[in-house]
């Protein structure tokens, strides 16, 4: 595992030449700033609300890699006072699905910082997030000598077809996608990296009902007190060193955990699926997006009589989808 981690570090150093700064404001980063890292392509419609949400949560500075967008995502980000953005025109797939780029920027700028690594359709939820900023969480984690914080990705969806209500730039996506699956999840242990592997939810039952083991993974470790020796190895599902992946209690207790509300299943999904299926830059030759594009032709409805309407983080704790553990 040590050799594998070093190889990942060498890869990200080699790929750094693919990153061209559009707006580098990293000199503004202070020693105790909380950072956010994201790799994107053509997400301009999502960015105003995304930035508003995470600023409100307490993120101090954003690091973005724009993978050759043609919808002015990069230009919009460059105009923001707390955002540094790099353009990468090279292959997303050959950059380990963007991890080589983000691992390099994390190594260079995030050492010693708490950093969230999320996609533009992922919204971080944690215990007491309605009354406490993210710094309250990171201060508590520091006091407990905890270096990483786990979440479950929860797919949110509307009550009708995903394209029935158009999403508008700057809109809170959860005004549209208010529902989620409270159950229907499979959890196993990944013996290689010692991380939990979670599958299920609405995408599994609608797009992968005949092949559930090919459904997307829902386990994520997005919040880490970064060290330049660390690397992500599979999206934010797993890291090296392996100890960072143990964000659960294997003695039967409950570690504090959060959730990522996932705003993928809205009206933007069809165009995104067709674009990514054509580009073929995602995992398994974009098989996940191929399933979306084919499934959306049938105008599926994710809502069912077992769907839950989202209220707040306490609801997720009651349902066992996150835990406040011993943080009071």
C-alpha atoms as a PDB file:
ATOM      1  CA  UNK A   1       0.000   0.000   0.000  1.00  0.00           C
ATOM      2  CA  UNK A   2       2.897   2.358   0.702  1.00  0.00           C
ATOM      3  CA  UNK A   3       4.285   1.753  -2.785  1.00  0.00           C
ATOM      4  CA  UNK A   4       0.819   2.272  -4.285  1.00  0.00           C
ATOM      5  CA  UNK A   5       0.496   5.586  -2.467  1.00  0.00           C
ATOM      6  CA  UNK A   6       3.910   6.734  -3.694  1.00  0.00           C
ATOM      7  CA  UNK A   7       2.978   5.829  -7.254  1.00  0.00           C
ATOM      8  CA  UNK A   8      -0.151   7.949  -6.935  1.00  0.00           C
ATOM      9  CA  UNK A   9       1.928  10.861  -5.687  1.00  0.00           C
ATOM     10  CA  UNK A  10       4.345  10.486  -8.605  1.00  0.00           C
ATOM     11  CA  UNK A  11       1.389  10.383 -11.036  1.00  0.00           C
ATOM     12  CA  UNK A  12      -0.091  13.608  -9.716  1.00  0.00           C
ATOM     13  CA  UNK A  13       3.268  15.368  -9.913  1.00  0.00           C
ATOM     14  CA  UNK A  14       3.637  14.295 -13.539  1.00  0.00           C
ATOM     15  CA  UNK A  15       0.138  15.489 -14.409  1.00  0.00           C
ATOM     16  CA  UNK A  16       0.595  18.940 -12.834  1.00  0.00           C
ATOM     17  CA  UNK A  17       1.751  20.317 -16.182  1.00  0.00           C
ATOM     18  CA  UNK A  18      -1.785  19.749 -17.512  1.00  0.00           C
ATOM     19  CA  UNK A  19      -3.108  22.399 -15.099  1.00  0.00           C
ATOM     20  CA  UNK A  20      -3.121  25.943 -16.468  1.00  0.00           C
ATOM     21  CA  UNK A  21      -4.068  28.683 -13.984  1.00  0.00           C
ATOM     22  CA  UNK A  22      -7.045  30.822 -14.946  1.00  0.00           C
ATOM     23  CA  UNK A  23      -7.192  32.660 -11.637  1.00  0.00           C
ATOM     24  CA  UNK A  24      -4.736  31.793  -8.866  1.00  0.00           C
ATOM     25  CA  UNK A  25      -5.679  33.468  -5.591  1.00  0.00           C
ATOM     26  CA  UNK A  26      -3.973  30.883  -3.367  1.00  0.00           C
ATOM     27  CA  UNK A  27      -1.790  33.577  -1.794  1.00  0.00           C
ATOM     28  CA  UNK A  28      -4.959  34.646   0.019  1.00  0.00           C
ATOM     29  CA  UNK A  29      -5.240  31.273   1.806  1.00  0.00           C
ATOM     30  CA  UNK A  30      -4.624  31.682   5.534  1.00  0.00           C
ATOM     31  CA  UNK A  31      -3.130  29.015   7.756  1.00  0.00           C
ATOM     32  CA  UNK A  32      -6.397  27.901   9.352  1.00  0.00           C
ATOM     33  CA  UNK A  33      -8.687  28.310   6.320  1.00  0.00           C
ATOM     34  CA  UNK A  34     -11.128  25.533   5.437  1.00  0.00           C
ATOM     35  CA  UNK A  35     -10.829  24.665   1.748  1.00  0.00           C
ATOM     36  CA  UNK A  36     -13.014  23.010  -0.873  1.00  0.00           C
ATOM     37  CA  UNK A  37     -11.670  21.050  -3.859  1.00  0.00           C
ATOM     38  CA  UNK A  38     -13.766  20.208  -6.942  1.00  0.00           C
ATOM     39  CA  UNK A  39     -13.190  19.016 -10.520  1.00  0.00           C
ATOM     40  CA  UNK A  40     -15.931  19.944 -12.980  1.00  0.00           C
ATOM     41  CA  UNK A  41     -17.001  20.272 -16.582  1.00  0.00           C
ATOM     42  CA  UNK A  42     -19.915  22.404 -17.839  1.00  0.00           C
ATOM     43  CA  UNK A  43     -21.538  23.061 -14.472  1.00  0.00           C
ATOM     44  CA  UNK A  44     -22.176  26.812 -14.754  1.00  0.00           C
ATOM     45  CA  UNK A  45     -25.877  26.360 -14.013  1.00  0.00           C
ATOM     46  CA  UNK A  46     -25.054  24.815 -10.618  1.00  0.00           C
ATOM     47  CA  UNK A  47     -22.223  27.068  -9.475  1.00  0.00           C
ATOM     48  CA  UNK A  48     -24.039  30.118  -8.006  1.00  0.00           C
ATOM     49  CA  UNK A  49     -26.017  28.059  -5.493  1.00  0.00           C
ATOM     50  CA  UNK A  50     -23.089  25.671  -4.855  1.00  0.00           C
ATOM     51  CA  UNK A  51     -20.797  28.552  -3.876  1.00  0.00           C
ATOM     52  CA  UNK A  52     -23.527  30.212  -1.796  1.00  0.00           C
ATOM     53  CA  UNK A  53     -24.226  26.977   0.069  1.00  0.00           C
ATOM     54  CA  UNK A  54     -20.610  26.273   0.995  1.00  0.00           C
ATOM     55  CA  UNK A  55     -19.792  29.890   1.852  1.00  0.00           C
ATOM     56  CA  UNK A  56     -22.738  29.828   4.239  1.00  0.00           C
ATOM     57  CA  UNK A  57     -21.392  26.589   5.727  1.00  0.00           C
ATOM     58  CA  UNK A  58     -18.026  28.239   6.396  1.00  0.00           C
ATOM     59  CA  UNK A  59     -15.680  27.317   3.533  1.00  0.00           C
ATOM     60  CA  UNK A  60     -12.982  30.001   3.200  1.00  0.00           C
ATOM     61  CA  UNK A  61     -11.397  29.248  -0.185  1.00  0.00           C
ATOM     62  CA  UNK A  62     -12.320  27.123  -3.216  1.00  0.00           C
ATOM     63  CA  UNK A  63      -9.965  25.196  -5.517  1.00  0.00           C
ATOM     64  CA  UNK A  64     -11.496  24.202  -8.864  1.00  0.00           C
ATOM     65  CA  UNK A  65     -10.226  22.311 -11.889  1.00  0.00           C
ATOM     66  CA  UNK A  66     -12.245  23.135 -15.007  1.00  0.00           C
ATOM     67  CA  UNK A  67     -11.933  20.224 -17.439  1.00  0.00           C
ATOM     68  CA  UNK A  68     -12.303  22.158 -20.704  1.00  0.00           C
ATOM     69  CA  UNK A  69     -15.804  23.529 -20.123  1.00  0.00           C
ATOM     70  CA  UNK A  70     -17.475  25.391 -22.980  1.00  0.00           C
ATOM     71  CA  UNK A  71     -20.322  26.930 -20.931  1.00  0.00           C
ATOM     72  CA  UNK A  72     -18.241  29.712 -19.270  1.00  0.00           C
ATOM     73  CA  UNK A  73     -17.838  27.792 -15.985  1.00  0.00           C
ATOM     74  CA  UNK A  74     -14.164  28.755 -15.819  1.00  0.00           C
ATOM     75  CA  UNK A  75     -14.782  32.419 -16.518  1.00  0.00           C
ATOM     76  CA  UNK A  76     -17.520  32.595 -13.901  1.00  0.00           C
ATOM     77  CA  UNK A  77     -15.303  30.965 -11.264  1.00  0.00           C
ATOM     78  CA  UNK A  78     -12.385  33.249 -12.116  1.00  0.00           C
ATOM     79  CA  UNK A  79     -14.576  36.265 -11.291  1.00  0.00           C
ATOM     80  CA  UNK A  80     -15.185  35.071  -7.720  1.00  0.00           C
ATOM     81  CA  UNK A  81     -13.026  36.618  -4.968  1.00  0.00           C
ATOM     82  CA  UNK A  82     -12.486  33.421  -2.962  1.00  0.00           C
ATOM     83  CA  UNK A  83     -11.927  30.987  -5.853  1.00  0.00           C
ATOM     84  CA  UNK A  84      -8.744  29.721  -7.510  1.00  0.00           C
ATOM     85  CA  UNK A  85      -9.330  27.870 -10.775  1.00  0.00           C
ATOM     86  CA  UNK A  86      -7.152  25.911 -13.183  1.00  0.00           C
ATOM     87  CA  UNK A  87      -8.053  24.696 -16.662  1.00  0.00           C
ATOM     88  CA  UNK A  88      -7.212  21.147 -17.734  1.00  0.00           C
ATOM     89  CA  UNK A  89      -7.792  20.322 -21.398  1.00  0.00           C
ATOM     90  CA  UNK A  90      -6.297  16.826 -21.166  1.00  0.00           C
ATOM     91  CA  UNK A  91      -8.196  13.554 -20.790  1.00  0.00           C
ATOM     92  CA  UNK A  92     -10.216  13.237 -17.583  1.00  0.00           C
ATOM     93  CA  UNK A  93      -9.991   9.456 -17.849  1.00  0.00           C
ATOM     94  CA  UNK A  94      -6.215   9.396 -18.262  1.00  0.00           C
ATOM     95  CA  UNK A  95      -5.868  11.707 -15.265  1.00  0.00           C
ATOM     96  CA  UNK A  96      -7.351   8.932 -13.095  1.00  0.00           C
ATOM     97  CA  UNK A  97     -10.813  10.470 -13.585  1.00  0.00           C
ATOM     98  CA  UNK A  98      -9.536  13.823 -12.342  1.00  0.00           C
ATOM     99  CA  UNK A  99      -7.832  12.496  -9.204  1.00  0.00           C
ATOM    100  CA  UNK A 100      -4.328  13.245 -10.480  1.00  0.00           C
ATOM    101  CA  UNK A 101      -5.271  16.922 -10.776  1.00  0.00           C
ATOM    102  CA  UNK A 102      -7.018  17.189  -7.424  1.00  0.00           C
ATOM    103  CA  UNK A 103      -4.351  15.165  -5.605  1.00  0.00           C
ATOM    104  CA  UNK A 104      -1.701  17.545  -6.893  1.00  0.00           C
ATOM    105  CA  UNK A 105      -3.578  20.683  -5.852  1.00  0.00           C
ATOM    106  CA  UNK A 106      -4.362  19.169  -2.461  1.00  0.00           C
ATOM    107  CA  UNK A 107      -0.697  18.284  -1.998  1.00  0.00           C
ATOM    108  CA  UNK A 108       0.428  21.806  -2.909  1.00  0.00           C
ATOM    109  CA  UNK A 109      -2.200  23.973  -1.236  1.00  0.00           C
ATOM    110  CA  UNK A 110      -4.131  21.943   1.349  1.00  0.00           C
ATOM    111  CA  UNK A 111      -1.356  20.589   3.591  1.00  0.00           C
ATOM    112  CA  UNK A 112      -2.426  21.197   7.197  1.00  0.00           C
ATOM    113  CA  UNK A 113      -5.924  22.343   6.213  1.00  0.00           C
ATOM    114  CA  UNK A 114      -9.304  20.745   6.609  1.00  0.00           C
ATOM    115  CA  UNK A 115     -10.579  20.312   3.056  1.00  0.00           C
ATOM    116  CA  UNK A 116     -13.858  19.161   1.524  1.00  0.00           C
ATOM    117  CA  UNK A 117     -13.583  17.348  -1.808  1.00  0.00           C
ATOM    118  CA  UNK A 118     -16.993  17.268  -3.490  1.00  0.00           C
ATOM    119  CA  UNK A 119     -18.662  17.404  -6.901  1.00  0.00           C
ATOM    120  CA  UNK A 120     -20.864  20.396  -7.860  1.00  0.00           C
ATOM    121  CA  UNK A 121     -23.996  18.305  -7.261  1.00  0.00           C
ATOM    122  CA  UNK A 122     -22.994  17.188  -3.732  1.00  0.00           C
ATOM    123  CA  UNK A 123     -24.060  19.105  -0.611  1.00  0.00           C
ATOM    124  CA  UNK A 124     -22.416  18.305   2.717  1.00  0.00           C
ATOM    125  CA  UNK A 125     -24.660  17.683   5.744  1.00  0.00           C
ATOM    126  CA  UNK A 126     -23.338  17.000   9.246  1.00  0.00           C
ATOM    127  CA  UNK A 127     -24.780  16.907  12.778  1.00  0.00           C
ATOM    128  CA  UNK A 128     -25.965  20.345  13.960  1.00  0.00           C
ATOM    129  CA  UNK A 129     -25.273  21.879  10.521  1.00  0.00           C
ATOM    130  CA  UNK A 130     -28.394  23.998  10.949  1.00  0.00           C
ATOM    131  CA  UNK A 131     -26.901  25.765  13.993  1.00  0.00           C
ATOM    132  CA  UNK A 132     -23.108  25.233  13.853  1.00  0.00           C
ATOM    133  CA  UNK A 133     -20.630  26.186  11.094  1.00  0.00           C
ATOM    134  CA  UNK A 134     -18.311  23.598   9.638  1.00  0.00           C
ATOM    135  CA  UNK A 135     -15.465  24.980  11.759  1.00  0.00           C
ATOM    136  CA  UNK A 136     -17.275  23.752  14.869  1.00  0.00           C
ATOM    137  CA  UNK A 137     -17.101  20.261  13.393  1.00  0.00           C
ATOM    138  CA  UNK A 138     -13.442  20.490  12.349  1.00  0.00           C
ATOM    139  CA  UNK A 139     -12.439  21.952  15.738  1.00  0.00           C
ATOM    140  CA  UNK A 140     -14.152  19.019  17.440  1.00  0.00           C
ATOM    141  CA  UNK A 141     -12.479  16.528  15.111  1.00  0.00           C
ATOM    142  CA  UNK A 142      -9.106  18.145  15.846  1.00  0.00           C
ATOM    143  CA  UNK A 143      -9.787  17.799  19.570  1.00  0.00           C
ATOM    144  CA  UNK A 144     -10.521  14.089  19.066  1.00  0.00           C
ATOM    145  CA  UNK A 145      -7.413  13.605  16.872  1.00  0.00           C
ATOM    146  CA  UNK A 146      -9.654  12.460  13.997  1.00  0.00           C
ATOM    147  CA  UNK A 147      -8.238  13.068  10.499  1.00  0.00           C
ATOM    148  CA  UNK A 148     -11.127  12.038   8.224  1.00  0.00           C
ATOM    149  CA  UNK A 149     -14.905  12.214   8.278  1.00  0.00           C
ATOM    150  CA  UNK A 150     -17.215   9.838   6.436  1.00  0.00           C
ATOM    151  CA  UNK A 151     -20.544  10.371   4.735  1.00  0.00           C
ATOM    152  CA  UNK A 152     -23.157   8.483   2.796  1.00  0.00           C
ATOM    153  CA  UNK A 153     -24.250   9.851  -0.569  1.00  0.00           C
ATOM    154  CA  UNK A 154     -28.034  10.213  -0.560  1.00  0.00           C
ATOM    155  CA  UNK A 155     -29.673  10.560  -3.969  1.00  0.00           C
ATOM    156  CA  UNK A 156     -32.438  13.149  -3.888  1.00  0.00           C
ATOM    157  CA  UNK A 157     -35.245  13.136  -6.464  1.00  0.00           C
ATOM    158  CA  UNK A 158     -38.526  14.866  -7.373  1.00  0.00           C
ATOM    159  CA  UNK A 159     -41.972  13.369  -7.008  1.00  0.00           C
ATOM    160  CA  UNK A 160     -42.498  13.244 -10.779  1.00  0.00           C
ATOM    161  CA  UNK A 161     -40.207  12.690 -13.798  1.00  0.00           C
ATOM    162  CA  UNK A 162     -36.806  14.369 -13.489  1.00  0.00           C
ATOM    163  CA  UNK A 163     -37.407  16.652 -16.469  1.00  0.00           C
ATOM    164  CA  UNK A 164     -40.915  17.752 -15.429  1.00  0.00           C
ATOM    165  CA  UNK A 165     -39.643  20.763 -13.467  1.00  0.00           C
ATOM    166  CA  UNK A 166     -36.701  22.613 -15.093  1.00  0.00           C
ATOM    167  CA  UNK A 167     -33.799  23.591 -12.861  1.00  0.00           C
ATOM    168  CA  UNK A 168     -32.758  27.246 -13.110  1.00  0.00           C
ATOM    169  CA  UNK A 169     -29.329  28.752 -12.480  1.00  0.00           C
ATOM    170  CA  UNK A 170     -28.887  29.806  -8.862  1.00  0.00           C
ATOM    171  CA  UNK A 171     -31.826  27.733  -7.627  1.00  0.00           C
ATOM    172  CA  UNK A 172     -31.680  25.481  -4.588  1.00  0.00           C
ATOM    173  CA  UNK A 173     -31.969  22.036  -6.268  1.00  0.00           C
ATOM    174  CA  UNK A 174     -33.757  20.648  -3.234  1.00  0.00           C
ATOM    175  CA  UNK A 175     -36.733  22.841  -3.980  1.00  0.00           C
ATOM    176  CA  UNK A 176     -37.244  20.304  -6.781  1.00  0.00           C
ATOM    177  CA  UNK A 177     -35.570  17.129  -5.499  1.00  0.00           C
ATOM    178  CA  UNK A 178     -37.025  16.783  -1.997  1.00  0.00           C
ATOM    179  CA  UNK A 179     -37.333  13.006  -1.702  1.00  0.00           C
ATOM    180  CA  UNK A 180     -34.947  10.135  -0.921  1.00  0.00           C
ATOM    181  CA  UNK A 181     -34.855   6.406  -0.152  1.00  0.00           C
ATOM    182  CA  UNK A 182     -34.757   5.675   3.576  1.00  0.00           C
ATOM    183  CA  UNK A 183     -33.744   2.050   3.006  1.00  0.00           C
ATOM    184  CA  UNK A 184     -32.777  -0.265   0.141  1.00  0.00           C
ATOM    185  CA  UNK A 185     -29.008  -0.112   0.814  1.00  0.00           C
ATOM    186  CA  UNK A 186     -26.331  -2.811   0.789  1.00  0.00           C
ATOM    187  CA  UNK A 187     -23.189  -2.380   2.908  1.00  0.00           C
ATOM    188  CA  UNK A 188     -20.053  -4.506   2.635  1.00  0.00           C
ATOM    189  CA  UNK A 189     -16.411  -4.138   3.636  1.00  0.00           C
ATOM    190  CA  UNK A 190     -13.813  -3.515   0.956  1.00  0.00           C
ATOM    191  CA  UNK A 191     -11.013  -5.875   2.081  1.00  0.00           C
ATOM    192  CA  UNK A 192      -8.341  -4.037   0.089  1.00  0.00           C
ATOM    193  CA  UNK A 193      -8.753  -0.520   1.466  1.00  0.00           C
ATOM    194  CA  UNK A 194     -10.789  -1.344   4.616  1.00  0.00           C
ATOM    195  CA  UNK A 195     -13.485   1.151   3.663  1.00  0.00           C
ATOM    196  CA  UNK A 196     -17.215   0.499   3.699  1.00  0.00           C
ATOM    197  CA  UNK A 197     -18.828  -0.058   0.293  1.00  0.00           C
ATOM    198  CA  UNK A 198     -22.454   1.100   0.069  1.00  0.00           C
ATOM    199  CA  UNK A 199     -24.792   0.608  -2.899  1.00  0.00           C
ATOM    200  CA  UNK A 200     -28.507   0.968  -3.444  1.00  0.00           C
ATOM    201  CA  UNK A 201     -31.002   3.796  -3.411  1.00  0.00           C
ATOM    202  CA  UNK A 202     -33.070   5.128  -6.317  1.00  0.00           C
ATOM    203  CA  UNK A 203     -30.399   4.849  -9.020  1.00  0.00           C
ATOM    204  CA  UNK A 204     -29.875   1.185  -8.170  1.00  0.00           C
ATOM    205  CA  UNK A 205     -33.577   0.310  -8.226  1.00  0.00           C
ATOM    206  CA  UNK A 206     -34.356   2.265 -11.427  1.00  0.00           C
ATOM    207  CA  UNK A 207     -31.226   2.195 -13.610  1.00  0.00           C
ATOM    208  CA  UNK A 208     -29.482  -0.943 -12.266  1.00  0.00           C
ATOM    209  CA  UNK A 209     -32.356  -3.135 -11.124  1.00  0.00           C
ATOM    210  CA  UNK A 210     -31.037  -6.102 -13.150  1.00  0.00           C
ATOM    211  CA  UNK A 211     -27.367  -5.511 -12.250  1.00  0.00           C
ATOM    212  CA  UNK A 212     -27.389  -4.056  -8.701  1.00  0.00           C
ATOM    213  CA  UNK A 213     -23.693  -4.760  -8.127  1.00  0.00           C
ATOM    214  CA  UNK A 214     -22.898  -2.295 -10.930  1.00  0.00           C
ATOM    215  CA  UNK A 215     -24.800   0.503  -9.210  1.00  0.00           C
ATOM    216  CA  UNK A 216     -22.725   3.514  -8.133  1.00  0.00           C
ATOM    217  CA  UNK A 217     -20.968   3.454  -4.760  1.00  0.00           C
ATOM    218  CA  UNK A 218     -22.522   5.719  -2.136  1.00  0.00           C
ATOM    219  CA  UNK A 219     -19.744   5.721   0.471  1.00  0.00           C
ATOM    220  CA  UNK A 220     -17.664   8.923   0.544  1.00  0.00           C
ATOM    221  CA  UNK A 221     -14.926  10.434   2.712  1.00  0.00           C
ATOM    222  CA  UNK A 222     -15.087  14.069   1.610  1.00  0.00           C
ATOM    223  CA  UNK A 223     -13.689  15.867   4.673  1.00  0.00           C
ATOM    224  CA  UNK A 224     -10.010  15.311   5.534  1.00  0.00           C
ATOM    225  CA  UNK A 225      -7.348  17.127   7.547  1.00  0.00           C
ATOM    226  CA  UNK A 226      -4.974  17.013   4.613  1.00  0.00           C
ATOM    227  CA  UNK A 227      -1.330  16.027   4.627  1.00  0.00           C
ATOM    228  CA  UNK A 228       0.865  16.142   1.523  1.00  0.00           C
ATOM    229  CA  UNK A 229       1.465  12.380   1.911  1.00  0.00           C
ATOM    230  CA  UNK A 230      -2.234  11.582   1.420  1.00  0.00           C
ATOM    231  CA  UNK A 231      -3.940  10.627  -1.845  1.00  0.00           C
ATOM    232  CA  UNK A 232      -7.424   9.741  -2.960  1.00  0.00           C
ATOM    233  CA  UNK A 233      -7.387   6.487  -4.940  1.00  0.00           C
ATOM    234  CA  UNK A 234     -11.000   6.021  -6.070  1.00  0.00           C
ATOM    235  CA  UNK A 235     -13.016   9.226  -6.282  1.00  0.00           C
ATOM    236  CA  UNK A 236     -13.569  10.135  -2.620  1.00  0.00           C
ATOM    237  CA  UNK A 237     -14.534   6.538  -1.809  1.00  0.00           C
ATOM    238  CA  UNK A 238     -11.092   5.622  -0.470  1.00  0.00           C
ATOM    239  CA  UNK A 239      -7.735   7.114   0.476  1.00  0.00           C
ATOM    240  CA  UNK A 240      -4.198   6.136   1.284  1.00  0.00           C
ATOM    241  CA  UNK A 241      -2.888   5.695   3.933  1.00  0.00           C
ATOM    242  CA  UNK A 242      -5.553   3.101   4.608  1.00  0.00           C
ATOM    243  CA  UNK A 243      -6.249   4.265   8.162  1.00  0.00           C
ATOM    244  CA  UNK A 244      -8.068   7.302   6.782  1.00  0.00           C
ATOM    245  CA  UNK A 245     -10.790   4.976   5.482  1.00  0.00           C
ATOM    246  CA  UNK A 246     -11.868   3.765   8.928  1.00  0.00           C
ATOM    247  CA  UNK A 247     -14.592   6.336   9.433  1.00  0.00           C
ATOM    248  CA  UNK A 248     -16.823   3.737  11.114  1.00  0.00           C
ATOM    249  CA  UNK A 249     -16.716   1.907  14.444  1.00  0.00           C
ATOM    250  CA  UNK A 250     -15.992  -1.806  14.015  1.00  0.00           C
ATOM    251  CA  UNK A 251     -16.736  -2.525  17.702  1.00  0.00           C
ATOM    252  CA  UNK A 252     -20.459  -1.970  17.393  1.00  0.00           C
ATOM    253  CA  UNK A 253     -20.613   1.688  18.397  1.00  0.00           C
ATOM    254  CA  UNK A 254     -21.371   4.700  16.230  1.00  0.00           C
ATOM    255  CA  UNK A 255     -18.793   7.171  14.986  1.00  0.00           C
ATOM    256  CA  UNK A 256     -19.946  10.646  14.088  1.00  0.00           C
ATOM    257  CA  UNK A 257     -20.766  10.784  10.393  1.00  0.00           C
ATOM    258  CA  UNK A 258     -22.536  12.963   7.861  1.00  0.00           C
ATOM    259  CA  UNK A 259     -24.213  12.813   4.490  1.00  0.00           C
ATOM    260  CA  UNK A 260     -23.890  14.249   1.021  1.00  0.00           C
ATOM    261  CA  UNK A 261     -27.243  15.215  -0.445  1.00  0.00           C
ATOM    262  CA  UNK A 262     -26.877  14.377  -4.134  1.00  0.00           C
ATOM    263  CA  UNK A 263     -28.696  16.662  -6.587  1.00  0.00           C
ATOM    264  CA  UNK A 264     -28.025  14.620  -9.722  1.00  0.00           C
ATOM    265  CA  UNK A 265     -31.584  13.460 -10.425  1.00  0.00           C
ATOM    266  CA  UNK A 266     -32.988  16.733 -11.746  1.00  0.00           C
ATOM    267  CA  UNK A 267     -33.691  18.112 -15.233  1.00  0.00           C
ATOM    268  CA  UNK A 268     -29.980  18.583 -16.075  1.00  0.00           C
ATOM    269  CA  UNK A 269     -29.345  14.811 -15.940  1.00  0.00           C
ATOM    270  CA  UNK A 270     -30.427  13.994 -19.508  1.00  0.00           C
ATOM    271  CA  UNK A 271     -28.081  16.469 -21.206  1.00  0.00           C
ATOM    272  CA  UNK A 272     -25.241  15.527 -18.878  1.00  0.00           C
ATOM    273  CA  UNK A 273     -25.731  11.812 -19.504  1.00  0.00           C
ATOM    274  CA  UNK A 274     -25.728  12.226 -23.281  1.00  0.00           C
ATOM    275  CA  UNK A 275     -22.626  14.418 -23.187  1.00  0.00           C
ATOM    276  CA  UNK A 276     -20.642  12.067 -20.957  1.00  0.00           C
ATOM    277  CA  UNK A 277     -21.770   8.967 -22.845  1.00  0.00           C
ATOM    278  CA  UNK A 278     -20.427  10.532 -26.046  1.00  0.00           C
ATOM    279  CA  UNK A 279     -17.165  11.648 -24.423  1.00  0.00           C
ATOM    280  CA  UNK A 280     -16.513   8.236 -22.839  1.00  0.00           C
ATOM    281  CA  UNK A 281     -14.305   9.765 -20.143  1.00  0.00           C
ATOM    282  CA  UNK A 282     -15.886   8.165 -17.080  1.00  0.00           C
ATOM    283  CA  UNK A 283     -15.412   4.835 -15.322  1.00  0.00           C
ATOM    284  CA  UNK A 284     -16.273   1.672 -17.306  1.00  0.00           C
ATOM    285  CA  UNK A 285     -16.404   3.667 -20.560  1.00  0.00           C
ATOM    286  CA  UNK A 286     -19.086   5.893 -19.030  1.00  0.00           C
ATOM    287  CA  UNK A 287     -21.313   2.868 -18.432  1.00  0.00           C
ATOM    288  CA  UNK A 288     -23.081   4.664 -15.586  1.00  0.00           C
ATOM    289  CA  UNK A 289     -24.060   7.555 -17.853  1.00  0.00           C
ATOM    290  CA  UNK A 290     -25.050   5.132 -20.606  1.00  0.00           C
ATOM    291  CA  UNK A 291     -27.488   3.538 -18.166  1.00  0.00           C
ATOM    292  CA  UNK A 292     -28.872   6.975 -17.320  1.00  0.00           C
ATOM    293  CA  UNK A 293     -29.314   7.980 -20.971  1.00  0.00           C
ATOM    294  CA  UNK A 294     -31.073   4.737 -21.844  1.00  0.00           C
ATOM    295  CA  UNK A 295     -33.220   4.717 -18.711  1.00  0.00           C
ATOM    296  CA  UNK A 296     -34.328   8.328 -19.099  1.00  0.00           C
ATOM    297  CA  UNK A 297     -35.886   7.487 -22.474  1.00  0.00           C
ATOM    298  CA  UNK A 298     -38.560   5.666 -20.469  1.00  0.00           C
ATOM    299  CA  UNK A 299     -39.231   8.803 -18.360  1.00  0.00           C
ATOM    300  CA  UNK A 300     -38.835   6.972 -15.044  1.00  0.00           C
ATOM    301  CA  UNK A 301     -40.303   8.237 -11.775  1.00  0.00           C
ATOM    302  CA  UNK A 302     -38.058   7.596  -8.767  1.00  0.00           C
ATOM    303  CA  UNK A 303     -40.709   8.425  -6.203  1.00  0.00           C
ATOM    304  CA  UNK A 304     -42.555   5.476  -4.673  1.00  0.00           C
ATOM    305  CA  UNK A 305     -44.766   4.870  -1.660  1.00  0.00           C
ATOM    306  CA  UNK A 306     -41.665   4.212   0.487  1.00  0.00           C
ATOM    307  CA  UNK A 307     -39.995   7.523  -0.396  1.00  0.00           C
ATOM    308  CA  UNK A 308     -39.194   9.960   2.423  1.00  0.00           C
ATOM    309  CA  UNK A 309     -39.466  13.740   2.136  1.00  0.00           C
ATOM    310  CA  UNK A 310     -36.306  15.405   3.435  1.00  0.00           C
ATOM    311  CA  UNK A 311     -36.683  17.545   6.560  1.00  0.00           C
ATOM    312  CA  UNK A 312     -33.279  17.933   8.217  1.00  0.00           C
ATOM    313  CA  UNK A 313     -30.173  16.119   9.459  1.00  0.00           C
ATOM    314  CA  UNK A 314     -31.976  14.814  12.564  1.00  0.00           C
ATOM    315  CA  UNK A 315     -34.323  12.874  10.298  1.00  0.00           C
ATOM    316  CA  UNK A 316     -31.295  11.213   8.658  1.00  0.00           C
ATOM    317  CA  UNK A 317     -29.911  10.303  12.079  1.00  0.00           C
ATOM    318  CA  UNK A 318     -33.200   8.710  13.144  1.00  0.00           C
ATOM    319  CA  UNK A 319     -33.177   6.661   9.929  1.00  0.00           C
ATOM    320  CA  UNK A 320     -29.596   5.514  10.571  1.00  0.00           C
ATOM    321  CA  UNK A 321     -28.126   7.278   7.513  1.00  0.00           C
ATOM    322  CA  UNK A 322     -25.776   9.450   9.619  1.00  0.00           C
ATOM    323  CA  UNK A 323     -24.818   9.780  13.287  1.00  0.00           C
ATOM    324  CA  UNK A 324     -23.833  12.494  15.742  1.00  0.00           C
ATOM    325  CA  UNK A 325     -21.962   9.845  17.740  1.00  0.00           C
ATOM    326  CA  UNK A 326     -20.590  11.409  20.934  1.00  0.00           C
ATOM    327  CA  UNK A 327     -20.547  14.979  19.574  1.00  0.00           C
ATOM    328  CA  UNK A 328     -23.030  16.893  21.702  1.00  0.00           C
END
